[in-house]
Amino acid sequence: MSEKKITLIVGATTNPSRYAYSAAQLFFEKGIEFIPIGIKSGQVFGKEILDLRKKPSLDEIHTITLYIGPQNQGEWIDYLISLKPQRIIFNPGTENMDFAQKAKNEGIEVLFACNLVMLSTGQF
């Protein structure tokens, strides 16, 4: 692979019953590079969860996969778009038409899909 395809998991958690954790586990098992970010601290599959509130500077983000609901996305939208991902995946329950339109306006591909299904069926 010539370019790195890093996926940012927004809403990462150490709670194994959450879908964001399951996504991190699948990325880890499939050897897909990912960065967990959220408001909860801890580690997932050997990676420290970055503090979303600090809006860390990140490069080479290919995909952002969302695991925070639309009611909690507002203050992060401009930050996430500023990372210039190639695509944003709105997982079930995270759909936000305003966010999606802003992303599309910046030339970012928007998918309303389940990351877990995409990973397990080879569509990722």
PDB file of N, CA and C in Angstrom:
ATOM      1  N   MET A   1       0.836  -1.183   0.000  1.00  0.00           N
ATOM      2  CA  MET A   1       0.000   0.000   0.000  1.00  0.00           C
ATOM      3  C   MET A   1       0.878   1.242   0.000  1.00  0.00           C
ATOM      4  N   SER A   2       0.672   2.130  -0.940  1.00  0.00           N
ATOM      5  CA  SER A   2       1.517   3.301  -1.031  1.00  0.00           C
ATOM      6  C   SER A   2       1.126   4.364  -0.019  1.00  0.00           C
ATOM      7  N   GLU A   3      -0.172   4.569   0.176  1.00  0.00           N
ATOM      8  CA  GLU A   3      -0.580   5.569   1.146  1.00  0.00           C
ATOM      9  C   GLU A   3      -1.108   4.886   2.402  1.00  0.00           C
ATOM     10  N   LYS A   4      -0.873   5.559   3.528  1.00  0.00           N
ATOM     11  CA  LYS A   4      -1.418   5.035   4.765  1.00  0.00           C
ATOM     12  C   LYS A   4      -2.905   5.330   4.783  1.00  0.00           C
ATOM     13  N   LYS A   5      -3.681   4.363   5.222  1.00  0.00           N
ATOM     14  CA  LYS A   5      -5.117   4.581   5.341  1.00  0.00           C
ATOM     15  C   LYS A   5      -5.478   4.477   6.813  1.00  0.00           C
ATOM     16  N   ILE A   6      -5.370   5.602   7.495  1.00  0.00           N
ATOM     17  CA  ILE A   6      -5.638   5.627   8.927  1.00  0.00           C
ATOM     18  C   ILE A   6      -7.109   5.964   9.143  1.00  0.00           C
ATOM     19  N   THR A   7      -7.755   5.198  10.009  1.00  0.00           N
ATOM     20  CA  THR A   7      -9.146   5.449  10.361  1.00  0.00           C
ATOM     21  C   THR A   7      -9.211   6.029  11.763  1.00  0.00           C
ATOM     22  N   LEU A   8      -9.946   7.115  11.915  1.00  0.00           N
ATOM     23  CA  LEU A   8     -10.153   7.746  13.208  1.00  0.00           C
ATOM     24  C   LEU A   8     -11.487   7.263  13.763  1.00  0.00           C
ATOM     25  N   ILE A   9     -11.433   6.596  14.917  1.00  0.00           N
ATOM     26  CA  ILE A   9     -12.659   6.117  15.576  1.00  0.00           C
ATOM     27  C   ILE A   9     -13.094   7.189  16.570  1.00  0.00           C
ATOM     28  N   VAL A  10     -14.150   7.922  16.227  1.00  0.00           N
ATOM     29  CA  VAL A  10     -14.631   9.016  17.074  1.00  0.00           C
ATOM     30  C   VAL A  10     -15.696   8.473  18.022  1.00  0.00           C
ATOM     31  N   GLY A  11     -15.405   8.602  19.318  1.00  0.00           N
ATOM     32  CA  GLY A  11     -16.288   8.034  20.334  1.00  0.00           C
ATOM     33  C   GLY A  11     -15.715   6.729  20.863  1.00  0.00           C
ATOM     34  N   ALA A  12     -14.390   6.578  20.716  1.00  0.00           N
ATOM     35  CA  ALA A  12     -13.719   5.354  21.175  1.00  0.00           C
ATOM     36  C   ALA A  12     -13.934   5.155  22.677  1.00  0.00           C
ATOM     37  N   THR A  13     -13.963   3.901  23.089  1.00  0.00           N
ATOM     38  CA  THR A  13     -14.237   3.559  24.476  1.00  0.00           C
ATOM     39  C   THR A  13     -13.560   2.252  24.848  1.00  0.00           C
ATOM     40  N   THR A  14     -13.342   2.071  26.135  1.00  0.00           N
ATOM     41  CA  THR A  14     -12.779   0.810  26.631  1.00  0.00           C
ATOM     42  C   THR A  14     -13.890  -0.169  26.999  1.00  0.00           C
ATOM     43  N   ASN A  15     -15.147   0.225  26.797  1.00  0.00           N
ATOM     44  CA  ASN A  15     -16.300  -0.604  27.166  1.00  0.00           C
ATOM     45  C   ASN A  15     -16.582  -1.631  26.059  1.00  0.00           C
ATOM     46  N   PRO A  16     -16.336  -2.924  26.356  1.00  0.00           N
ATOM     47  CA  PRO A  16     -16.491  -3.962  25.322  1.00  0.00           C
ATOM     48  C   PRO A  16     -17.919  -4.135  24.807  1.00  0.00           C
ATOM     49  N   SER A  17     -18.918  -3.564  25.485  1.00  0.00           N
ATOM     50  CA  SER A  17     -20.296  -3.720  25.014  1.00  0.00           C
ATOM     51  C   SER A  17     -20.691  -2.626  24.016  1.00  0.00           C
ATOM     52  N   ARG A  18     -19.769  -1.703  23.720  1.00  0.00           N
ATOM     53  CA  ARG A  18     -20.068  -0.612  22.785  1.00  0.00           C
ATOM     54  C   ARG A  18     -19.576  -0.951  21.376  1.00  0.00           C
ATOM     55  N   TYR A  19     -20.306  -0.450  20.384  1.00  0.00           N
ATOM     56  CA  TYR A  19     -19.938  -0.723  18.990  1.00  0.00           C
ATOM     57  C   TYR A  19     -18.581  -0.127  18.629  1.00  0.00           C
ATOM     58  N   ALA A  20     -18.232   1.023  19.216  1.00  0.00           N
ATOM     59  CA  ALA A  20     -16.931   1.633  18.920  1.00  0.00           C
ATOM     60  C   ALA A  20     -15.793   0.701  19.341  1.00  0.00           C
ATOM     61  N   TYR A  21     -15.991  -0.015  20.427  1.00  0.00           N
ATOM     62  CA  TYR A  21     -14.985  -0.974  20.894  1.00  0.00           C
ATOM     63  C   TYR A  21     -14.892  -2.139  19.908  1.00  0.00           C
ATOM     64  N   SER A  22     -16.040  -2.637  19.472  1.00  0.00           N
ATOM     65  CA  SER A  22     -16.069  -3.737  18.499  1.00  0.00           C
ATOM     66  C   SER A  22     -15.376  -3.346  17.201  1.00  0.00           C
ATOM     67  N   ALA A  23     -15.563  -2.090  16.772  1.00  0.00           N
ATOM     68  CA  ALA A  23     -14.908  -1.612  15.558  1.00  0.00           C
ATOM     69  C   ALA A  23     -13.392  -1.616  15.759  1.00  0.00           C
ATOM     70  N   ALA A  24     -12.936  -1.092  16.906  1.00  0.00           N
ATOM     71  CA  ALA A  24     -11.497  -1.075  17.194  1.00  0.00           C
ATOM     72  C   ALA A  24     -10.937  -2.491  17.176  1.00  0.00           C
ATOM     73  N   GLN A  25     -11.694  -3.426  17.730  1.00  0.00           N
ATOM     74  CA  GLN A  25     -11.251  -4.822  17.769  1.00  0.00           C
ATOM     75  C   GLN A  25     -11.108  -5.386  16.353  1.00  0.00           C
ATOM     76  N   LEU A  26     -12.074  -5.113  15.494  1.00  0.00           N
ATOM     77  CA  LEU A  26     -12.006  -5.598  14.114  1.00  0.00           C
ATOM     78  C   LEU A  26     -10.851  -4.956  13.347  1.00  0.00           C
ATOM     79  N   PHE A  27     -10.665  -3.647  13.529  1.00  0.00           N
ATOM     80  CA  PHE A  27      -9.524  -2.977  12.880  1.00  0.00           C
ATOM     81  C   PHE A  27      -8.228  -3.631  13.331  1.00  0.00           C
ATOM     82  N   PHE A  28      -8.118  -3.853  14.629  1.00  0.00           N
ATOM     83  CA  PHE A  28      -6.917  -4.457  15.201  1.00  0.00           C
ATOM     84  C   PHE A  28      -6.688  -5.851  14.607  1.00  0.00           C
ATOM     85  N   GLU A  29      -7.740  -6.669  14.608  1.00  0.00           N
ATOM     86  CA  GLU A  29      -7.624  -8.045  14.103  1.00  0.00           C
ATOM     87  C   GLU A  29      -7.294  -8.092  12.613  1.00  0.00           C
ATOM     88  N   LYS A  30      -7.797  -7.123  11.854  1.00  0.00           N
ATOM     89  CA  LYS A  30      -7.566  -7.102  10.406  1.00  0.00           C
ATOM     90  C   LYS A  30      -6.302  -6.326  10.024  1.00  0.00           C
ATOM     91  N   GLY A  31      -5.606  -5.778  11.035  1.00  0.00           N
ATOM     92  CA  GLY A  31      -4.372  -5.051  10.763  1.00  0.00           C
ATOM     93  C   GLY A  31      -4.588  -3.708  10.097  1.00  0.00           C
ATOM     94  N   ILE A  32      -5.769  -3.109  10.310  1.00  0.00           N
ATOM     95  CA  ILE A  32      -6.074  -1.801   9.737  1.00  0.00           C
ATOM     96  C   ILE A  32      -5.643  -0.729  10.743  1.00  0.00           C
ATOM     97  N   GLU A  33      -4.863   0.227  10.279  1.00  0.00           N
ATOM     98  CA  GLU A  33      -4.361   1.298  11.148  1.00  0.00           C
ATOM     99  C   GLU A  33      -5.524   2.164  11.636  1.00  0.00           C
ATOM    100  N   PHE A  34      -5.593   2.397  12.945  1.00  0.00           N
ATOM    101  CA  PHE A  34      -6.655   3.244  13.479  1.00  0.00           C
ATOM    102  C   PHE A  34      -6.136   4.079  14.638  1.00  0.00           C
ATOM    103  N   ILE A  35      -6.832   5.178  14.872  1.00  0.00           N
ATOM    104  CA  ILE A  35      -6.557   6.048  16.008  1.00  0.00           C
ATOM    105  C   ILE A  35      -7.870   6.199  16.771  1.00  0.00           C
ATOM    106  N   PRO A  36      -7.887   5.809  18.047  1.00  0.00           N
ATOM    107  CA  PRO A  36      -9.098   6.017  18.835  1.00  0.00           C
ATOM    108  C   PRO A  36      -9.106   7.423  19.444  1.00  0.00           C
ATOM    109  N   ILE A  37     -10.259   8.082  19.392  1.00  0.00           N
ATOM    110  CA  ILE A  37     -10.393   9.411  19.986  1.00  0.00           C
ATOM    111  C   ILE A  37     -11.764   9.510  20.639  1.00  0.00           C
ATOM    112  N   GLY A  38     -11.815  10.165  21.775  1.00  0.00           N
ATOM    113  CA  GLY A  38     -13.084  10.305  22.480  1.00  0.00           C
ATOM    114  C   GLY A  38     -12.907  11.162  23.712  1.00  0.00           C
ATOM    115  N   ILE A  39     -13.918  11.155  24.561  1.00  0.00           N
ATOM    116  CA  ILE A  39     -13.818  11.941  25.791  1.00  0.00           C
ATOM    117  C   ILE A  39     -13.510  11.058  26.997  1.00  0.00           C
ATOM    118  N   LYS A  40     -13.507   9.755  26.772  1.00  0.00           N
ATOM    119  CA  LYS A  40     -13.133   8.831  27.848  1.00  0.00           C
ATOM    120  C   LYS A  40     -11.668   8.454  27.671  1.00  0.00           C
ATOM    121  N   SER A  41     -10.952   8.345  28.789  1.00  0.00           N
ATOM    122  CA  SER A  41      -9.539   7.981  28.676  1.00  0.00           C
ATOM    123  C   SER A  41      -9.383   6.468  28.807  1.00  0.00           C
ATOM    124  N   GLY A  42      -8.212   5.998  28.440  1.00  0.00           N
ATOM    125  CA  GLY A  42      -7.933   4.572  28.528  1.00  0.00           C
ATOM    126  C   GLY A  42      -7.231   4.096  27.280  1.00  0.00           C
ATOM    127  N   GLN A  43      -7.105   2.782  27.173  1.00  0.00           N
ATOM    128  CA  GLN A  43      -6.453   2.186  26.014  1.00  0.00           C
ATOM    129  C   GLN A  43      -7.374   1.159  25.379  1.00  0.00           C
ATOM    130  N   VAL A  44      -7.292   1.067  24.073  1.00  0.00           N
ATOM    131  CA  VAL A  44      -8.012   0.022  23.364  1.00  0.00           C
ATOM    132  C   VAL A  44      -7.041  -0.626  22.392  1.00  0.00           C
ATOM    133  N   PHE A  45      -6.843  -1.909  22.582  1.00  0.00           N
ATOM    134  CA  PHE A  45      -5.956  -2.715  21.742  1.00  0.00           C
ATOM    135  C   PHE A  45      -4.580  -2.070  21.608  1.00  0.00           C
ATOM    136  N   GLY A  46      -4.053  -1.643  22.759  1.00  0.00           N
ATOM    137  CA  GLY A  46      -2.701  -1.105  22.818  1.00  0.00           C
ATOM    138  C   GLY A  46      -2.561   0.343  22.395  1.00  0.00           C
ATOM    139  N   LYS A  47      -3.661   0.979  22.056  1.00  0.00           N
ATOM    140  CA  LYS A  47      -3.609   2.384  21.629  1.00  0.00           C
ATOM    141  C   LYS A  47      -4.310   3.268  22.650  1.00  0.00           C
ATOM    142  N   GLU A  48      -3.622   4.341  23.020  1.00  0.00           N
ATOM    143  CA  GLU A  48      -4.197   5.316  23.949  1.00  0.00           C
ATOM    144  C   GLU A  48      -5.334   6.069  23.260  1.00  0.00           C
ATOM    145  N   ILE A  49      -6.466   6.218  23.953  1.00  0.00           N
ATOM    146  CA  ILE A  49      -7.573   7.006  23.404  1.00  0.00           C
ATOM    147  C   ILE A  49      -7.208   8.486  23.536  1.00  0.00           C
ATOM    148  N   LEU A  50      -7.123   9.165  22.394  1.00  0.00           N
ATOM    149  CA  LEU A  50      -6.805  10.594  22.396  1.00  0.00           C
ATOM    150  C   LEU A  50      -7.996  11.378  22.923  1.00  0.00           C
ATOM    151  N   ASP A  51      -7.717  12.527  23.554  1.00  0.00           N
ATOM    152  CA  ASP A  51      -8.764  13.365  24.128  1.00  0.00           C
ATOM    153  C   ASP A  51      -9.344  14.267  23.043  1.00  0.00           C
ATOM    154  N   LEU A  52     -10.575  13.988  22.659  1.00  0.00           N
ATOM    155  CA  LEU A  52     -11.262  14.748  21.619  1.00  0.00           C
ATOM    156  C   LEU A  52     -11.352  16.224  21.998  1.00  0.00           C
ATOM    157  N   ARG A  53     -11.497  16.513  23.295  1.00  0.00           N
ATOM    158  CA  ARG A  53     -11.642  17.900  23.752  1.00  0.00           C
ATOM    159  C   ARG A  53     -10.404  18.739  23.449  1.00  0.00           C
ATOM    160  N   LYS A  54      -9.250  18.072  23.277  1.00  0.00           N
ATOM    161  CA  LYS A  54      -8.011  18.799  22.964  1.00  0.00           C
ATOM    162  C   LYS A  54      -7.836  19.024  21.467  1.00  0.00           C
ATOM    163  N   LYS A  55      -8.724  18.430  20.672  1.00  0.00           N
ATOM    164  CA  LYS A  55      -8.679  18.559  19.214  1.00  0.00           C
ATOM    165  C   LYS A  55      -7.248  18.403  18.695  1.00  0.00           C
ATOM    166  N   PRO A  56      -6.664  17.234  18.942  1.00  0.00           N
ATOM    167  CA  PRO A  56      -5.264  17.036  18.555  1.00  0.00           C
ATOM    168  C   PRO A  56      -5.041  17.161  17.048  1.00  0.00           C
ATOM    169  N   SER A  57      -3.849  17.624  16.702  1.00  0.00           N
ATOM    170  CA  SER A  57      -3.462  17.739  15.303  1.00  0.00           C
ATOM    171  C   SER A  57      -3.144  16.338  14.780  1.00  0.00           C
ATOM    172  N   LEU A  58      -3.832  15.922  13.747  1.00  0.00           N
ATOM    173  CA  LEU A  58      -3.637  14.589  13.173  1.00  0.00           C
ATOM    174  C   LEU A  58      -3.461  14.702  11.673  1.00  0.00           C
ATOM    175  N   ASP A  59      -2.543  13.908  11.138  1.00  0.00           N
ATOM    176  CA  ASP A  59      -2.287  13.915   9.703  1.00  0.00           C
ATOM    177  C   ASP A  59      -2.689  12.577   9.090  1.00  0.00           C
ATOM    178  N   GLU A  60      -2.919  12.613   7.801  1.00  0.00           N
ATOM    179  CA  GLU A  60      -3.143  11.392   7.016  1.00  0.00           C
ATOM    180  C   GLU A  60      -4.348  10.575   7.472  1.00  0.00           C
ATOM    181  N   ILE A  61      -5.397  11.255   7.928  1.00  0.00           N
ATOM    182  CA  ILE A  61      -6.629  10.543   8.280  1.00  0.00           C
ATOM    183  C   ILE A  61      -7.373  10.261   6.981  1.00  0.00           C
ATOM    184  N   HIS A  62      -7.572   8.997   6.677  1.00  0.00           N
ATOM    185  CA  HIS A  62      -8.290   8.604   5.462  1.00  0.00           C
ATOM    186  C   HIS A  62      -9.791   8.559   5.712  1.00  0.00           C
ATOM    187  N   THR A  63     -10.172   7.914   6.825  1.00  0.00           N
ATOM    188  CA  THR A  63     -11.580   7.695   7.136  1.00  0.00           C
ATOM    189  C   THR A  63     -11.862   8.116   8.571  1.00  0.00           C
ATOM    190  N   ILE A  64     -12.985   8.771   8.768  1.00  0.00           N
ATOM    191  CA  ILE A  64     -13.497   9.027  10.115  1.00  0.00           C
ATOM    192  C   ILE A  64     -14.745   8.179  10.256  1.00  0.00           C
ATOM    193  N   THR A  65     -14.799   7.383  11.308  1.00  0.00           N
ATOM    194  CA  THR A  65     -15.996   6.593  11.577  1.00  0.00           C
ATOM    195  C   THR A  65     -16.589   7.090  12.891  1.00  0.00           C
ATOM    196  N   LEU A  66     -17.856   7.480  12.836  1.00  0.00           N
ATOM    197  CA  LEU A  66     -18.500   8.132  13.977  1.00  0.00           C
ATOM    198  C   LEU A  66     -19.267   7.160  14.864  1.00  0.00           C
ATOM    199  N   TYR A  67     -19.021   7.295  16.159  1.00  0.00           N
ATOM    200  CA  TYR A  67     -19.768   6.541  17.163  1.00  0.00           C
ATOM    201  C   TYR A  67     -20.291   7.470  18.251  1.00  0.00           C
ATOM    202  N   ILE A  68     -20.556   8.731  17.879  1.00  0.00           N
ATOM    203  CA  ILE A  68     -21.211   9.651  18.810  1.00  0.00           C
ATOM    204  C   ILE A  68     -22.459  10.181  18.118  1.00  0.00           C
ATOM    205  N   GLY A  69     -23.532  10.274  18.867  1.00  0.00           N
ATOM    206  CA  GLY A  69     -24.811  10.698  18.310  1.00  0.00           C
ATOM    207  C   GLY A  69     -24.802  12.144  17.865  1.00  0.00           C
ATOM    208  N   PRO A  70     -25.755  12.508  16.999  1.00  0.00           N
ATOM    209  CA  PRO A  70     -25.799  13.861  16.456  1.00  0.00           C
ATOM    210  C   PRO A  70     -25.884  14.938  17.550  1.00  0.00           C
ATOM    211  N   GLN A  71     -26.521  14.615  18.670  1.00  0.00           N
ATOM    212  CA  GLN A  71     -26.665  15.589  19.750  1.00  0.00           C
ATOM    213  C   GLN A  71     -25.321  15.926  20.389  1.00  0.00           C
ATOM    214  N   ASN A  72     -24.306  15.081  20.180  1.00  0.00           N
ATOM    215  CA  ASN A  72     -22.978  15.311  20.763  1.00  0.00           C
ATOM    216  C   ASN A  72     -21.914  15.668  19.721  1.00  0.00           C
ATOM    217  N   GLN A  73     -22.323  15.873  18.483  1.00  0.00           N
ATOM    218  CA  GLN A  73     -21.350  16.119  17.410  1.00  0.00           C
ATOM    219  C   GLN A  73     -21.021  17.588  17.198  1.00  0.00           C
ATOM    220  N   GLY A  74     -21.936  18.479  17.526  1.00  0.00           N
ATOM    221  CA  GLY A  74     -21.846  19.893  17.174  1.00  0.00           C
ATOM    222  C   GLY A  74     -20.488  20.542  17.320  1.00  0.00           C
ATOM    223  N   GLU A  75     -19.908  20.451  18.514  1.00  0.00           N
ATOM    224  CA  GLU A  75     -18.651  21.174  18.735  1.00  0.00           C
ATOM    225  C   GLU A  75     -17.455  20.531  18.046  1.00  0.00           C
ATOM    226  N   TRP A  76     -17.642  19.338  17.473  1.00  0.00           N
ATOM    227  CA  TRP A  76     -16.514  18.634  16.841  1.00  0.00           C
ATOM    228  C   TRP A  76     -16.551  18.674  15.321  1.00  0.00           C
ATOM    229  N   ILE A  77     -17.666  19.112  14.740  1.00  0.00           N
ATOM    230  CA  ILE A  77     -17.839  19.039  13.281  1.00  0.00           C
ATOM    231  C   ILE A  77     -16.714  19.757  12.528  1.00  0.00           C
ATOM    232  N   ASP A  78     -16.463  21.024  12.866  1.00  0.00           N
ATOM    233  CA  ASP A  78     -15.438  21.778  12.141  1.00  0.00           C
ATOM    234  C   ASP A  78     -14.064  21.150  12.337  1.00  0.00           C
ATOM    235  N   TYR A  79     -13.789  20.691  13.549  1.00  0.00           N
ATOM    236  CA  TYR A  79     -12.504  20.028  13.818  1.00  0.00           C
ATOM    237  C   TYR A  79     -12.348  18.784  12.942  1.00  0.00           C
ATOM    238  N   LEU A  80     -13.365  17.929  12.916  1.00  0.00           N
ATOM    239  CA  LEU A  80     -13.270  16.677  12.157  1.00  0.00           C
ATOM    240  C   LEU A  80     -13.121  16.957  10.660  1.00  0.00           C
ATOM    241  N   ILE A  81     -13.855  17.929  10.152  1.00  0.00           N
ATOM    242  CA  ILE A  81     -13.729  18.288   8.740  1.00  0.00           C
ATOM    243  C   ILE A  81     -12.326  18.844   8.454  1.00  0.00           C
ATOM    244  N   SER A  82     -11.754  19.574   9.428  1.00  0.00           N
ATOM    245  CA  SER A  82     -10.429  20.170   9.234  1.00  0.00           C
ATOM    246  C   SER A  82      -9.327  19.117   9.103  1.00  0.00           C
ATOM    247  N   LEU A  83      -9.625  17.876   9.507  1.00  0.00           N
ATOM    248  CA  LEU A  83      -8.645  16.794   9.378  1.00  0.00           C
ATOM    249  C   LEU A  83      -8.542  16.305   7.933  1.00  0.00           C
ATOM    250  N   LYS A  84      -9.437  16.795   7.089  1.00  0.00           N
ATOM    251  CA  LYS A  84      -9.450  16.495   5.657  1.00  0.00           C
ATOM    252  C   LYS A  84      -9.454  14.986   5.331  1.00  0.00           C
ATOM    253  N   PRO A  85     -10.398  14.259   5.934  1.00  0.00           N
ATOM    254  CA  PRO A  85     -10.484  12.835   5.591  1.00  0.00           C
ATOM    255  C   PRO A  85     -11.027  12.668   4.173  1.00  0.00           C
ATOM    256  N   GLN A  86     -10.801  11.492   3.608  1.00  0.00           N
ATOM    257  CA  GLN A  86     -11.391  11.222   2.296  1.00  0.00           C
ATOM    258  C   GLN A  86     -12.853  10.824   2.437  1.00  0.00           C
ATOM    259  N   ARG A  87     -13.191  10.222   3.611  1.00  0.00           N
ATOM    260  CA  ARG A  87     -14.595   9.850   3.818  1.00  0.00           C
ATOM    261  C   ARG A  87     -14.932   9.872   5.305  1.00  0.00           C
ATOM    262  N   ILE A  88     -16.243  10.039   5.547  1.00  0.00           N
ATOM    263  CA  ILE A  88     -16.785   9.962   6.905  1.00  0.00           C
ATOM    264  C   ILE A  88     -17.892   8.925   6.874  1.00  0.00           C
ATOM    265  N   ILE A  89     -17.818   7.985   7.804  1.00  0.00           N
ATOM    266  CA  ILE A  89     -18.851   6.960   7.923  1.00  0.00           C
ATOM    267  C   ILE A  89     -19.747   7.321   9.109  1.00  0.00           C
ATOM    268  N   PHE A  90     -21.018   7.546   8.815  1.00  0.00           N
ATOM    269  CA  PHE A  90     -22.015   7.787   9.849  1.00  0.00           C
ATOM    270  C   PHE A  90     -22.635   6.426  10.172  1.00  0.00           C
ATOM    271  N   ASN A  91     -22.246   5.864  11.310  1.00  0.00           N
ATOM    272  CA  ASN A  91     -22.799   4.581  11.725  1.00  0.00           C
ATOM    273  C   ASN A  91     -24.237   4.769  12.182  1.00  0.00           C
ATOM    274  N   PRO A  92     -25.032   3.680  12.239  1.00  0.00           N
ATOM    275  CA  PRO A  92     -26.422   3.811  12.671  1.00  0.00           C
ATOM    276  C   PRO A  92     -26.531   4.556  14.002  1.00  0.00           C
ATOM    277  N   GLY A  93     -27.406   5.567  14.017  1.00  0.00           N
ATOM    278  CA  GLY A  93     -27.612   6.363  15.216  1.00  0.00           C
ATOM    279  C   GLY A  93     -26.764   7.626  15.254  1.00  0.00           C
ATOM    280  N   THR A  94     -25.843   7.780  14.268  1.00  0.00           N
ATOM    281  CA  THR A  94     -24.986   8.978  14.245  1.00  0.00           C
ATOM    282  C   THR A  94     -25.337   9.899  13.077  1.00  0.00           C
ATOM    283  N   GLU A  95     -26.361   9.551  12.317  1.00  0.00           N
ATOM    284  CA  GLU A  95     -26.713  10.302  11.118  1.00  0.00           C
ATOM    285  C   GLU A  95     -26.981  11.768  11.473  1.00  0.00           C
ATOM    286  N   ASN A  96     -26.377  12.670  10.686  1.00  0.00           N
ATOM    287  CA  ASN A  96     -26.513  14.102  10.914  1.00  0.00           C
ATOM    288  C   ASN A  96     -26.431  14.779   9.551  1.00  0.00           C
ATOM    289  N   MET A  97     -27.572  15.214   9.051  1.00  0.00           N
ATOM    290  CA  MET A  97     -27.625  15.767   7.688  1.00  0.00           C
ATOM    291  C   MET A  97     -26.812  17.048   7.545  1.00  0.00           C
ATOM    292  N   ASP A  98     -26.803  17.913   8.562  1.00  0.00           N
ATOM    293  CA  ASP A  98     -26.022  19.150   8.484  1.00  0.00           C
ATOM    294  C   ASP A  98     -24.533  18.841   8.387  1.00  0.00           C
ATOM    295  N   PHE A  99     -24.065  17.935   9.245  1.00  0.00           N
ATOM    296  CA  PHE A  99     -22.660  17.513   9.248  1.00  0.00           C
ATOM    297  C   PHE A  99     -22.322  16.887   7.895  1.00  0.00           C
ATOM    298  N   ALA A 100     -23.197  16.004   7.426  1.00  0.00           N
ATOM    299  CA  ALA A 100     -22.967  15.322   6.146  1.00  0.00           C
ATOM    300  C   ALA A 100     -22.849  16.326   5.010  1.00  0.00           C
ATOM    301  N   GLN A 101     -23.727  17.332   4.996  1.00  0.00           N
ATOM    302  CA  GLN A 101     -23.699  18.330   3.924  1.00  0.00           C
ATOM    303  C   GLN A 101     -22.423  19.153   3.993  1.00  0.00           C
ATOM    304  N   LYS A 102     -21.998  19.552   5.203  1.00  0.00           N
ATOM    305  CA  LYS A 102     -20.745  20.301   5.349  1.00  0.00           C
ATOM    306  C   LYS A 102     -19.573  19.476   4.820  1.00  0.00           C
ATOM    307  N   ALA A 103     -19.572  18.190   5.130  1.00  0.00           N
ATOM    308  CA  ALA A 103     -18.497  17.310   4.660  1.00  0.00           C
ATOM    309  C   ALA A 103     -18.514  17.223   3.135  1.00  0.00           C
ATOM    310  N   LYS A 104     -19.696  17.016   2.562  1.00  0.00           N
ATOM    311  CA  LYS A 104     -19.813  16.931   1.102  1.00  0.00           C
ATOM    312  C   LYS A 104     -19.338  18.223   0.441  1.00  0.00           C
ATOM    313  N   ASN A 105     -19.657  19.360   1.050  1.00  0.00           N
ATOM    314  CA  ASN A 105     -19.234  20.660   0.513  1.00  0.00           C
ATOM    315  C   ASN A 105     -17.712  20.787   0.472  1.00  0.00           C
ATOM    316  N   GLU A 106     -17.031  20.025   1.322  1.00  0.00           N
ATOM    317  CA  GLU A 106     -15.565  20.033   1.364  1.00  0.00           C
ATOM    318  C   GLU A 106     -14.963  18.910   0.515  1.00  0.00           C
ATOM    319  N   GLY A 107     -15.821  18.209  -0.244  1.00  0.00           N
ATOM    320  CA  GLY A 107     -15.339  17.150  -1.124  1.00  0.00           C
ATOM    321  C   GLY A 107     -15.086  15.829  -0.413  1.00  0.00           C
ATOM    322  N   ILE A 108     -15.666  15.672   0.777  1.00  0.00           N
ATOM    323  CA  ILE A 108     -15.482  14.439   1.550  1.00  0.00           C
ATOM    324  C   ILE A 108     -16.629  13.480   1.229  1.00  0.00           C
ATOM    325  N   GLU A 109     -16.276  12.233   0.951  1.00  0.00           N
ATOM    326  CA  GLU A 109     -17.290  11.211   0.700  1.00  0.00           C
ATOM    327  C   GLU A 109     -18.025  10.922   2.003  1.00  0.00           C
ATOM    328  N   VAL A 110     -19.352  10.820   1.934  1.00  0.00           N
ATOM    329  CA  VAL A 110     -20.170  10.553   3.109  1.00  0.00           C
ATOM    330  C   VAL A 110     -20.886   9.227   2.918  1.00  0.00           C
ATOM    331  N   LEU A 111     -20.765   8.366   3.904  1.00  0.00           N
ATOM    332  CA  LEU A 111     -21.457   7.080   3.863  1.00  0.00           C
ATOM    333  C   LEU A 111     -22.337   6.946   5.102  1.00  0.00           C
ATOM    334  N   PHE A 112     -23.568   6.545   4.888  1.00  0.00           N
ATOM    335  CA  PHE A 112     -24.445   6.172   6.001  1.00  0.00           C
ATOM    336  C   PHE A 112     -24.436   4.656   5.998  1.00  0.00           C
ATOM    337  N   ALA A 113     -23.592   4.091   6.854  1.00  0.00           N
ATOM    338  CA  ALA A 113     -23.355   2.647   6.808  1.00  0.00           C
ATOM    339  C   ALA A 113     -22.915   2.157   8.180  1.00  0.00           C
ATOM    340  N   CYS A 114     -22.880   0.855   8.332  1.00  0.00           N
ATOM    341  CA  CYS A 114     -22.392   0.255   9.566  1.00  0.00           C
ATOM    342  C   CYS A 114     -20.962  -0.225   9.326  1.00  0.00           C
ATOM    343  N   ASN A 115     -20.037   0.401  10.038  1.00  0.00           N
ATOM    344  CA  ASN A 115     -18.627   0.056   9.892  1.00  0.00           C
ATOM    345  C   ASN A 115     -18.381  -1.429  10.157  1.00  0.00           C
ATOM    346  N   LEU A 116     -19.082  -1.992  11.135  1.00  0.00           N
ATOM    347  CA  LEU A 116     -18.882  -3.404  11.479  1.00  0.00           C
ATOM    348  C   LEU A 116     -19.295  -4.308  10.317  1.00  0.00           C
ATOM    349  N   VAL A 117     -20.406  -3.969   9.672  1.00  0.00           N
ATOM    350  CA  VAL A 117     -20.857  -4.747   8.503  1.00  0.00           C
ATOM    351  C   VAL A 117     -19.858  -4.582   7.366  1.00  0.00           C
ATOM    352  N   MET A 118     -19.411  -3.335   7.136  1.00  0.00           N
ATOM    353  CA  MET A 118     -18.442  -3.087   6.067  1.00  0.00           C
ATOM    354  C   MET A 118     -17.172  -3.903   6.283  1.00  0.00           C
ATOM    355  N   LEU A 119     -16.695  -3.939   7.512  1.00  0.00           N
ATOM    356  CA  LEU A 119     -15.461  -4.689   7.822  1.00  0.00           C
ATOM    357  C   LEU A 119     -15.658  -6.191   7.645  1.00  0.00           C
ATOM    358  N   SER A 120     -16.803  -6.684   8.115  1.00  0.00           N
ATOM    359  CA  SER A 120     -16.989  -8.134   8.081  1.00  0.00           C
ATOM    360  C   SER A 120     -17.373  -8.664   6.713  1.00  0.00           C
ATOM    361  N   THR A 121     -17.778  -7.753   5.797  1.00  0.00           N
ATOM    362  CA  THR A 121     -18.130  -8.202   4.449  1.00  0.00           C
ATOM    363  C   THR A 121     -17.110  -7.742   3.404  1.00  0.00           C
ATOM    364  N   GLY A 122     -15.992  -7.190   3.861  1.00  0.00           N
ATOM    365  CA  GLY A 122     -14.940  -6.792   2.934  1.00  0.00           C
ATOM    366  C   GLY A 122     -15.237  -5.529   2.150  1.00  0.00           C
ATOM    367  N   GLN A 123     -16.183  -4.711   2.603  1.00  0.00           N
ATOM    368  CA  GLN A 123     -16.538  -3.471   1.894  1.00  0.00           C
ATOM    369  C   GLN A 123     -15.764  -2.276   2.418  1.00  0.00           C
ATOM    370  N   PHE A 124     -14.953  -2.480   3.437  1.00  0.00           N
ATOM    371  CA  PHE A 124     -14.211  -1.365   4.005  1.00  0.00           C
ATOM    372  C   PHE A 124     -12.997  -1.129   3.140  1.00  0.00           C
TER     373      PHE A 124
END
